[in-house]
Amino acid sequence: MNATSKIKMYKSFNFKKFFKSFAHAIDGVVYLLSNEQNARIHAIATIMVGILAYIFQVTRIEAAVLFMAVILVFAIEIINTAIEKVFDLLHPGDHEIIRGVKDAMAGAVLISTIIAFAVAALVFLPYVKALV
């Protein structure tokens, strides 16, 4: 197989399909926020972090670190929800292994939340201390 035949194996870029994937992603976030209580709590916390970052005029580096921390929580929450929904569909009853996987994913969300909280404390505490 030569280089020319390898190139022909790939389809050309499809803008319609590309933009449709964004619509699916937005639908997924809307689903998450509509159906998952913890995701709504994370969203409120994210908004609060954004407001505090604006009020305290944090540096760009601090804002980037805060942004990465809160996005980490959302990303893991989305993965957790997706895995839970697939397991619930495939095996609606209680199963020891599935319960263990769900607990592990909930643990991942918890750990990422603790890390995000620690990052927020490290960033915001010096600003709060400066006010006192």
Protein backbone atom coordinates (compact mmCIF):
# COMPACT_ATOMS: atom_id res chain seq x y z
CA MET A 1 0.00 0.00 0.00
CA ASN A 2 1.56 3.30 -1.08
CA ALA A 3 1.15 6.77 0.45
CA THR A 4 -1.51 7.84 -2.07
CA SER A 5 -3.80 4.92 -1.30
CA LYS A 6 -3.46 5.60 2.43
CA ILE A 7 -4.66 9.18 1.94
CA LYS A 8 -7.73 8.01 0.03
CA MET A 9 -8.80 5.89 3.02
CA TYR A 10 -9.70 9.02 4.99
CA LYS A 11 -12.91 10.94 4.37
CA SER A 12 -12.84 14.64 3.67
CA PHE A 13 -13.64 17.04 6.50
CA ASN A 14 -17.38 17.42 7.00
CA PHE A 15 -18.36 20.78 8.52
CA LYS A 16 -21.98 19.72 9.06
CA LYS A 17 -20.91 16.65 11.04
CA PHE A 18 -18.33 18.74 12.93
CA PHE A 19 -20.88 21.32 14.08
CA LYS A 20 -23.47 18.65 14.82
CA SER A 21 -21.01 17.11 17.30
CA PHE A 22 -21.02 20.44 19.19
CA ALA A 23 -24.82 20.31 19.38
CA HIS A 24 -24.58 16.80 20.88
CA ALA A 25 -21.98 18.01 23.39
CA ILE A 26 -24.20 20.92 24.44
CA ASP A 27 -27.15 18.50 24.77
CA GLY A 28 -25.00 16.36 27.05
CA VAL A 29 -24.14 19.29 29.32
CA VAL A 30 -27.80 20.37 29.42
CA TYR A 31 -28.81 16.79 30.28
CA LEU A 32 -26.20 16.66 33.03
CA LEU A 33 -27.31 19.96 34.58
CA SER A 34 -31.00 19.04 34.24
CA ASN A 35 -30.74 15.58 35.76
CA GLU A 36 -27.80 15.50 38.13
CA GLN A 37 -28.06 17.42 41.41
CA ASN A 38 -24.32 17.32 42.06
CA ALA A 39 -23.61 18.81 38.64
CA ARG A 40 -25.86 21.77 39.52
CA ILE A 41 -23.97 22.21 42.78
CA HIS A 42 -20.68 22.16 40.84
CA ALA A 43 -22.10 24.73 38.42
CA ILE A 44 -23.08 27.06 41.26
CA ALA A 45 -19.63 26.66 42.82
CA THR A 46 -18.04 27.39 39.43
CA ILE A 47 -20.05 30.58 39.07
CA MET A 48 -19.06 31.62 42.58
CA VAL A 49 -15.39 30.99 41.80
CA GLY A 50 -15.73 33.09 38.66
CA ILE A 51 -17.34 35.94 40.59
CA LEU A 52 -14.64 35.81 43.28
CA ALA A 53 -11.90 35.73 40.64
CA TYR A 54 -13.40 38.85 39.09
CA ILE A 55 -13.86 40.65 42.43
CA PHE A 56 -10.33 39.89 43.60
CA GLN A 57 -8.84 40.54 40.14
CA VAL A 58 -6.75 37.37 40.26
CA THR A 59 -3.81 37.05 37.90
CA ARG A 60 -4.18 35.28 34.58
CA ILE A 61 -2.17 32.33 35.89
CA GLU A 62 -4.40 32.07 38.96
CA ALA A 63 -7.50 32.30 36.78
CA ALA A 64 -6.15 29.56 34.50
CA VAL A 65 -5.42 27.27 37.44
CA LEU A 66 -8.88 27.90 38.90
CA PHE A 67 -10.46 27.25 35.50
CA MET A 68 -8.58 23.96 35.09
CA ALA A 69 -9.57 22.84 38.60
CA VAL A 70 -13.30 23.45 38.12
CA ILE A 71 -13.28 21.97 34.60
CA LEU A 72 -11.61 18.86 36.00
CA VAL A 73 -14.54 18.40 38.37
CA PHE A 74 -17.08 18.83 35.56
CA ALA A 75 -15.24 16.47 33.23
CA ILE A 76 -15.07 13.73 35.83
CA GLU A 77 -18.72 14.31 36.78
CA ILE A 78 -19.70 13.88 33.11
CA ILE A 79 -17.70 10.65 32.84
CA ASN A 80 -19.17 9.42 36.13
CA THR A 81 -22.72 10.11 34.95
CA ALA A 82 -22.12 8.44 31.58
CA ILE A 83 -20.72 5.30 33.19
CA GLU A 84 -23.56 5.16 35.74
CA LYS A 85 -26.22 5.51 33.03
CA VAL A 86 -24.68 2.76 30.89
CA PHE A 87 -24.49 0.41 33.87
CA ASP A 88 -28.07 1.24 34.89
CA LEU A 89 -29.24 0.44 31.37
CA LEU A 90 -27.26 -2.79 31.01
CA HIS A 91 -27.81 -4.10 34.53
CA PRO A 92 -30.66 -2.37 36.39
CA GLY A 93 -30.33 -4.53 39.49
CA ASP A 94 -27.66 -4.33 42.15
CA HIS A 95 -24.38 -5.98 41.24
CA GLU A 96 -21.27 -6.00 43.41
CA ILE A 97 -18.80 -5.16 40.61
CA ILE A 98 -21.00 -2.42 39.16
CA ARG A 99 -21.49 -0.95 42.64
CA GLY A 100 -17.71 -0.96 43.09
CA VAL A 101 -17.15 0.83 39.79
CA LYS A 102 -19.83 3.40 40.59
CA ASP A 103 -18.30 3.97 44.02
CA ALA A 104 -14.85 4.37 42.47
CA MET A 105 -16.17 6.93 39.99
CA ALA A 106 -17.93 8.80 42.80
CA GLY A 107 -14.59 8.76 44.61
CA ALA A 108 -12.92 10.29 41.55
CA VAL A 109 -15.47 13.10 41.59
CA LEU A 110 -14.91 13.60 45.31
CA ILE A 111 -11.12 13.73 44.93
CA SER A 112 -11.33 16.20 42.05
CA THR A 113 -13.72 18.35 44.10
CA ILE A 114 -11.35 18.35 47.07
CA ILE A 115 -8.47 19.32 44.78
CA ALA A 116 -10.54 22.13 43.23
CA PHE A 117 -11.46 23.38 46.70
CA ALA A 118 -7.80 23.31 47.76
CA VAL A 119 -6.79 25.22 44.62
CA ALA A 120 -9.49 27.83 45.28
CA ALA A 121 -8.33 28.19 48.89
CA LEU A 122 -4.69 28.59 47.82
CA VAL A 123 -5.65 31.26 45.30
CA PHE A 124 -8.25 33.18 47.30
CA LEU A 125 -6.87 33.07 50.86
CA PRO A 126 -4.12 35.66 50.24
CA TYR A 127 -6.72 38.03 48.76
CA VAL A 128 -9.05 37.50 51.73
CA LYS A 129 -6.18 38.03 54.19
CA ALA A 130 -5.31 41.30 52.44
CA LEU A 131 -8.83 42.56 53.18
CA VAL A 132 -8.52 41.87 56.90
